[in-house]
Amino acid sequence: MRMSEKLPFNPYLILLSSLVLPGSGHVWLGLAQRGLMFLFFIIILGWASSHIMPAHFTFIGRHIGGIFVYGVSVIDAYKTARIRFAEWNHEKNSSR
């Protein structure tokens, strides 16, 4: 494996971006299709669960499907960024 010259994005920046706008962390990582897929499923499962859950449930309870996918999306973007940063750091330190 050849060491990449470019410093990868800070994983905390990716985490913050994913928390603010779902899917944006994946876009920063160059995985736009994956980010759009997560965004699509957030919308679809949020809509589906809002129609399945009873009306007396809270907002979170009615949209739990989308909220779950949102959480998985944030974790996935952060994990991917951490792995890339650790690999870059390992390659940088092992080439010395």
N, C-alpha and C. Protein backbone atom coordinates (compact mmCIF):
# COMPACT_ATOMS: atom_id res chain seq x y z
N MET A 1 0.84 -1.17 0.00
CA MET A 1 0.00 0.00 0.00
C MET A 1 0.89 1.24 0.00
N ARG A 2 0.53 2.20 -0.81
CA ARG A 2 1.29 3.43 -0.91
C ARG A 2 0.65 4.50 -0.03
N MET A 3 1.50 5.23 0.69
CA MET A 3 0.99 6.25 1.60
C MET A 3 0.37 7.40 0.81
N SER A 4 -0.80 7.79 1.23
CA SER A 4 -1.49 8.91 0.60
C SER A 4 -0.83 10.21 1.05
N GLU A 5 -0.62 11.11 0.12
CA GLU A 5 -0.01 12.39 0.44
C GLU A 5 -0.98 13.29 1.19
N LYS A 6 -2.26 13.16 0.90
CA LYS A 6 -3.27 14.07 1.44
C LYS A 6 -3.74 13.61 2.81
N LEU A 7 -3.78 14.55 3.75
CA LEU A 7 -4.28 14.27 5.08
C LEU A 7 -5.79 14.03 5.00
N PRO A 8 -6.28 12.91 5.57
CA PRO A 8 -7.73 12.68 5.55
C PRO A 8 -8.45 13.65 6.47
N PHE A 9 -9.75 13.77 6.27
CA PHE A 9 -10.55 14.66 7.11
C PHE A 9 -10.52 14.20 8.56
N ASN A 10 -10.59 15.17 9.45
CA ASN A 10 -10.65 14.87 10.88
C ASN A 10 -11.96 14.13 11.16
N PRO A 11 -11.87 12.99 11.84
CA PRO A 11 -13.10 12.23 12.13
C PRO A 11 -14.15 13.01 12.91
N TYR A 12 -13.72 13.93 13.76
CA TYR A 12 -14.68 14.73 14.52
C TYR A 12 -15.42 15.72 13.63
N LEU A 13 -14.77 16.21 12.59
CA LEU A 13 -15.42 17.07 11.61
C LEU A 13 -16.50 16.28 10.86
N ILE A 14 -16.17 15.06 10.51
CA ILE A 14 -17.14 14.18 9.83
C ILE A 14 -18.32 13.88 10.76
N LEU A 15 -18.02 13.63 12.03
CA LEU A 15 -19.08 13.36 13.00
C LEU A 15 -20.01 14.56 13.13
N LEU A 16 -19.45 15.74 13.28
CA LEU A 16 -20.26 16.95 13.39
C LEU A 16 -21.09 17.18 12.14
N SER A 17 -20.49 16.99 10.99
CA SER A 17 -21.19 17.18 9.72
C SER A 17 -22.36 16.20 9.61
N SER A 18 -22.13 14.96 10.00
CA SER A 18 -23.19 13.94 9.93
C SER A 18 -24.32 14.22 10.90
N LEU A 19 -23.98 14.78 12.05
CA LEU A 19 -25.02 15.10 13.02
C LEU A 19 -25.89 16.26 12.55
N VAL A 20 -25.27 17.25 11.90
CA VAL A 20 -26.00 18.43 11.46
C VAL A 20 -26.85 18.14 10.23
N LEU A 21 -26.27 17.46 9.25
CA LEU A 21 -26.97 17.17 8.00
C LEU A 21 -26.74 15.70 7.63
N PRO A 22 -27.74 14.85 7.78
CA PRO A 22 -27.56 13.43 7.50
C PRO A 22 -27.04 13.17 6.08
N GLY A 23 -26.03 12.34 5.99
CA GLY A 23 -25.44 11.99 4.70
C GLY A 23 -24.28 12.87 4.30
N SER A 24 -24.13 14.03 4.91
CA SER A 24 -23.06 14.94 4.49
C SER A 24 -21.68 14.43 4.87
N GLY A 25 -21.58 13.69 5.96
CA GLY A 25 -20.29 13.12 6.33
C GLY A 25 -19.79 12.14 5.28
N HIS A 26 -20.71 11.36 4.73
CA HIS A 26 -20.34 10.43 3.67
C HIS A 26 -19.90 11.19 2.42
N VAL A 27 -20.56 12.29 2.13
CA VAL A 27 -20.18 13.09 0.95
C VAL A 27 -18.77 13.63 1.13
N TRP A 28 -18.43 14.13 2.32
CA TRP A 28 -17.07 14.62 2.59
C TRP A 28 -16.04 13.51 2.41
N LEU A 29 -16.43 12.29 2.72
CA LEU A 29 -15.51 11.15 2.59
C LEU A 29 -15.41 10.62 1.16
N GLY A 30 -16.21 11.19 0.27
CA GLY A 30 -16.20 10.72 -1.12
C GLY A 30 -17.14 9.56 -1.35
N LEU A 31 -18.07 9.34 -0.44
CA LEU A 31 -19.03 8.25 -0.55
C LEU A 31 -20.44 8.81 -0.70
N ALA A 32 -20.61 9.66 -1.69
CA ALA A 32 -21.89 10.36 -1.86
C ALA A 32 -23.05 9.39 -2.08
N GLN A 33 -22.83 8.34 -2.83
CA GLN A 33 -23.91 7.38 -3.08
C GLN A 33 -24.36 6.72 -1.78
N ARG A 34 -23.42 6.41 -0.92
CA ARG A 34 -23.76 5.80 0.38
C ARG A 34 -24.53 6.80 1.25
N GLY A 35 -24.10 8.05 1.23
CA GLY A 35 -24.80 9.08 2.00
C GLY A 35 -26.22 9.29 1.51
N LEU A 36 -26.41 9.29 0.20
CA LEU A 36 -27.76 9.43 -0.36
C LEU A 36 -28.63 8.22 -0.04
N MET A 37 -28.01 7.05 0.00
CA MET A 37 -28.76 5.85 0.35
C MET A 37 -29.27 5.95 1.80
N PHE A 38 -28.39 6.38 2.71
CA PHE A 38 -28.83 6.57 4.09
C PHE A 38 -29.94 7.61 4.17
N LEU A 39 -29.79 8.72 3.47
CA LEU A 39 -30.80 9.78 3.49
C LEU A 39 -32.14 9.27 2.96
N PHE A 40 -32.10 8.48 1.91
CA PHE A 40 -33.31 7.90 1.33
C PHE A 40 -34.03 7.02 2.37
N PHE A 41 -33.26 6.16 3.06
CA PHE A 41 -33.88 5.27 4.03
C PHE A 41 -34.33 5.99 5.29
N ILE A 42 -33.67 7.09 5.64
CA ILE A 42 -34.15 7.91 6.75
C ILE A 42 -35.55 8.43 6.43
N ILE A 43 -35.70 8.96 5.23
CA ILE A 43 -37.00 9.52 4.82
C ILE A 43 -38.06 8.42 4.72
N ILE A 44 -37.74 7.33 4.04
CA ILE A 44 -38.71 6.25 3.82
C ILE A 44 -39.14 5.60 5.14
N LEU A 45 -38.18 5.24 5.99
CA LEU A 45 -38.54 4.57 7.24
C LEU A 45 -39.17 5.53 8.24
N GLY A 46 -38.78 6.80 8.20
CA GLY A 46 -39.46 7.78 9.04
C GLY A 46 -40.91 7.94 8.63
N TRP A 47 -41.14 8.00 7.34
CA TRP A 47 -42.52 8.11 6.82
C TRP A 47 -43.32 6.86 7.16
N ALA A 48 -42.71 5.68 6.92
CA ALA A 48 -43.43 4.42 7.17
C ALA A 48 -43.78 4.26 8.64
N SER A 49 -42.83 4.54 9.51
CA SER A 49 -43.13 4.36 10.93
C SER A 49 -44.12 5.41 11.42
N SER A 50 -44.15 6.60 10.81
CA SER A 50 -45.14 7.60 11.23
C SER A 50 -46.56 7.18 10.86
N HIS A 51 -46.69 6.36 9.84
CA HIS A 51 -48.01 5.88 9.44
C HIS A 51 -48.42 4.60 10.16
N ILE A 52 -47.45 3.90 10.73
CA ILE A 52 -47.74 2.65 11.42
C ILE A 52 -48.03 2.89 12.91
N MET A 53 -47.28 3.80 13.52
CA MET A 53 -47.41 4.04 14.96
C MET A 53 -48.72 4.77 15.28
N PRO A 54 -49.26 4.52 16.45
CA PRO A 54 -50.50 5.21 16.87
C PRO A 54 -50.28 6.71 17.01
N ALA A 55 -51.35 7.47 16.87
CA ALA A 55 -51.27 8.93 16.90
C ALA A 55 -50.89 9.47 18.27
N HIS A 56 -51.12 8.74 19.33
CA HIS A 56 -50.80 9.25 20.66
C HIS A 56 -49.33 9.12 21.04
N PHE A 57 -48.52 8.49 20.19
CA PHE A 57 -47.09 8.39 20.45
C PHE A 57 -46.43 9.76 20.26
N THR A 58 -45.27 9.94 20.88
CA THR A 58 -44.53 11.19 20.71
C THR A 58 -43.95 11.26 19.30
N PHE A 59 -43.40 12.42 18.96
CA PHE A 59 -42.78 12.61 17.64
C PHE A 59 -41.68 11.58 17.42
N ILE A 60 -40.85 11.38 18.42
CA ILE A 60 -39.76 10.40 18.31
C ILE A 60 -40.32 9.00 18.13
N GLY A 61 -41.33 8.66 18.88
CA GLY A 61 -41.95 7.34 18.76
C GLY A 61 -42.57 7.10 17.40
N ARG A 62 -43.17 8.13 16.83
CA ARG A 62 -43.81 7.98 15.52
C ARG A 62 -42.79 7.91 14.38
N HIS A 63 -41.61 8.48 14.55
CA HIS A 63 -40.61 8.52 13.47
C HIS A 63 -39.37 7.69 13.80
N ILE A 64 -39.52 6.69 14.64
CA ILE A 64 -38.39 5.92 15.15
C ILE A 64 -37.60 5.20 14.05
N GLY A 65 -38.25 4.80 12.98
CA GLY A 65 -37.55 4.13 11.88
C GLY A 65 -36.50 5.04 11.25
N GLY A 66 -36.87 6.27 10.97
CA GLY A 66 -35.93 7.23 10.39
C GLY A 66 -34.85 7.63 11.37
N ILE A 67 -35.21 7.77 12.64
CA ILE A 67 -34.23 8.16 13.66
C ILE A 67 -33.19 7.06 13.85
N PHE A 68 -33.62 5.81 13.79
CA PHE A 68 -32.69 4.69 13.90
C PHE A 68 -31.68 4.71 12.75
N VAL A 69 -32.16 4.88 11.53
CA VAL A 69 -31.26 4.91 10.37
C VAL A 69 -30.34 6.12 10.45
N TYR A 70 -30.85 7.25 10.95
CA TYR A 70 -30.02 8.44 11.15
C TYR A 70 -28.86 8.13 12.10
N GLY A 71 -29.14 7.45 13.19
CA GLY A 71 -28.08 7.07 14.13
C GLY A 71 -27.05 6.14 13.51
N VAL A 72 -27.52 5.17 12.75
CA VAL A 72 -26.61 4.24 12.08
C VAL A 72 -25.76 4.99 11.06
N SER A 73 -26.34 5.96 10.37
CA SER A 73 -25.62 6.76 9.39
C SER A 73 -24.50 7.56 10.03
N VAL A 74 -24.79 8.18 11.17
CA VAL A 74 -23.77 8.97 11.88
C VAL A 74 -22.63 8.06 12.33
N ILE A 75 -22.96 6.91 12.90
CA ILE A 75 -21.95 5.97 13.36
C ILE A 75 -21.10 5.47 12.19
N ASP A 76 -21.74 5.16 11.07
CA ASP A 76 -21.03 4.65 9.91
C ASP A 76 -20.05 5.68 9.34
N ALA A 77 -20.48 6.92 9.23
CA ALA A 77 -19.60 7.97 8.69
C ALA A 77 -18.41 8.18 9.62
N TYR A 78 -18.67 8.26 10.91
CA TYR A 78 -17.59 8.47 11.88
C TYR A 78 -16.61 7.30 11.88
N LYS A 79 -17.14 6.08 11.85
CA LYS A 79 -16.29 4.88 11.85
C LYS A 79 -15.40 4.85 10.61
N THR A 80 -15.98 5.17 9.47
CA THR A 80 -15.21 5.18 8.23
C THR A 80 -14.10 6.23 8.29
N ALA A 81 -14.42 7.40 8.81
CA ALA A 81 -13.42 8.46 8.92
C ALA A 81 -12.31 8.07 9.90
N ARG A 82 -12.68 7.45 11.03
CA ARG A 82 -11.67 7.02 12.00
C ARG A 82 -10.75 5.97 11.41
N ILE A 83 -11.30 5.03 10.66
CA ILE A 83 -10.48 3.99 10.04
C ILE A 83 -9.52 4.59 9.03
N ARG A 84 -10.02 5.49 8.18
CA ARG A 84 -9.14 6.12 7.19
C ARG A 84 -8.04 6.93 7.86
N PHE A 85 -8.38 7.66 8.92
CA PHE A 85 -7.40 8.47 9.63
C PHE A 85 -6.36 7.58 10.30
N ALA A 86 -6.78 6.48 10.90
CA ALA A 86 -5.85 5.56 11.56
C ALA A 86 -4.94 4.88 10.54
N GLU A 87 -5.48 4.49 9.39
CA GLU A 87 -4.66 3.89 8.34
C GLU A 87 -3.62 4.88 7.83
N TRP A 88 -4.05 6.12 7.62
CA TRP A 88 -3.12 7.15 7.15
C TRP A 88 -2.02 7.40 8.18
N ASN A 89 -2.41 7.47 9.45
CA ASN A 89 -1.45 7.70 10.51
C ASN A 89 -0.47 6.54 10.63
N HIS A 90 -0.98 5.33 10.49
CA HIS A 90 -0.13 4.14 10.56
C HIS A 90 0.88 4.12 9.41
N GLU A 91 0.42 4.42 8.20
CA GLU A 91 1.30 4.44 7.04
C GLU A 91 2.36 5.54 7.18
N LYS A 92 1.93 6.68 7.71
CA LYS A 92 2.87 7.80 7.89
C LYS A 92 3.95 7.42 8.90
N ASN A 93 3.57 6.80 10.01
CA ASN A 93 4.53 6.44 11.04
C ASN A 93 5.40 5.23 10.67
N SER A 94 4.88 4.32 9.86
CA SER A 94 5.67 3.14 9.50
C SER A 94 6.65 3.43 8.38
N SER A 95 6.49 4.54 7.67
CA SER A 95 7.41 4.84 6.57
C SER A 95 8.67 5.54 7.07
N ARG A 96 8.72 5.88 8.34
CA ARG A 96 9.89 6.57 8.89
C ARG A 96 11.03 5.66 9.10
